[in-house]
Amino acid sequence: MDDAYWGGERPGGKRGRGSENKAPFVAAVESTEEGQPIRMKMHKVKGFRKEEIKNWGQQQLKTDSHVITDGL
């Protein structure tokens, strides 16, 4: 899975990772037991680094959460 960025195209500037036109974010979706989404949290993070995501998860998720991830 590619890193996730929110937003549309903006002309000019650097493309890809590190672009000043992009903001890295993490999203968490709460769902029912049937898998239907209930609510979502989205937070901008400094970057896609293991320690950054770990800190975000410790602050934003319950300790008994079932987490599905792309591996980061």
Protein backbone atom coordinates (compact mmCIF):
# COMPACT_ATOMS: atom_id res chain seq x y z
CA MET A 1 0.00 0.00 0.00
CA ASP A 2 1.28 3.48 -0.80
CA ASP A 3 1.56 6.18 1.85
CA ALA A 4 -1.73 8.04 2.27
CA TYR A 5 -2.12 11.72 1.48
CA TRP A 6 -5.27 13.81 1.50
CA GLY A 7 -6.06 16.34 -1.19
CA GLY A 8 -6.11 16.88 -4.88
CA GLU A 9 -3.53 17.90 -7.39
CA ARG A 10 -1.77 21.22 -7.08
CA PRO A 11 0.30 22.50 -10.00
CA GLY A 12 4.01 23.14 -9.54
CA GLY A 13 6.28 22.03 -6.74
CA LYS A 14 7.92 18.72 -6.00
CA ARG A 15 6.07 15.46 -6.72
CA GLY A 16 5.88 12.37 -4.51
CA ARG A 17 7.04 11.93 -0.93
CA GLY A 18 8.37 15.03 0.72
CA SER A 19 6.28 17.35 -1.44
CA GLU A 20 5.33 20.61 0.22
CA ASN A 21 1.88 20.06 -1.29
CA LYS A 22 1.15 16.92 0.73
CA ALA A 23 0.40 16.19 4.38
CA PRO A 24 0.85 12.66 5.80
CA PHE A 25 -2.07 11.42 7.91
CA VAL A 26 -3.32 8.35 9.76
CA ALA A 27 -6.95 7.24 9.76
CA ALA A 28 -8.73 4.89 12.17
CA VAL A 29 -12.20 3.54 11.48
CA GLU A 30 -14.45 2.10 14.17
CA SER A 31 -16.81 -0.55 12.85
CA THR A 32 -19.62 -2.80 14.01
CA GLU A 33 -19.11 -6.54 14.48
CA GLU A 34 -20.54 -6.91 10.96
CA GLY A 35 -17.81 -4.66 9.58
CA GLN A 36 -19.96 -1.58 8.94
CA PRO A 37 -18.17 1.72 9.64
CA ILE A 38 -19.47 3.81 12.56
CA ARG A 39 -17.00 6.67 12.82
CA MET A 40 -13.54 7.66 11.68
CA LYS A 41 -10.61 9.63 13.16
CA MET A 42 -8.05 11.28 10.96
CA HIS A 43 -4.89 12.94 12.23
CA LYS A 44 -2.01 14.62 10.49
CA VAL A 45 1.33 13.11 11.52
CA LYS A 46 4.90 14.30 11.10
CA GLY A 47 5.69 11.39 8.82
CA PHE A 48 5.31 7.66 8.22
CA ARG A 49 7.84 6.50 10.78
CA LYS A 50 7.32 3.55 13.13
CA GLU A 51 7.83 5.63 16.29
CA GLU A 52 5.45 8.36 15.07
CA ILE A 53 2.68 5.85 14.32
CA LYS A 54 3.30 4.03 17.62
CA ASN A 55 2.93 7.27 19.59
CA TRP A 56 -0.24 8.16 17.68
CA GLY A 57 -1.77 4.76 18.38
CA GLN A 58 -0.97 4.92 22.10
CA GLN A 59 -2.66 8.33 22.34
CA GLN A 60 -5.66 7.72 20.06
CA LEU A 61 -6.61 4.04 20.30
CA LYS A 62 -7.97 1.94 23.16
CA THR A 63 -5.56 -0.72 24.38
CA ASP A 64 -8.00 -3.53 23.47
CA SER A 65 -8.50 -2.30 19.89
CA HIS A 66 -8.28 -4.77 17.01
CA VAL A 67 -5.94 -3.08 14.53
CA ILE A 68 -5.52 -3.94 10.87
CA THR A 69 -2.58 -2.20 9.22
CA ASP A 70 -0.50 -2.12 6.08
CA GLY A 71 2.49 -3.13 8.20
CA LEU A 72 3.82 0.21 9.43
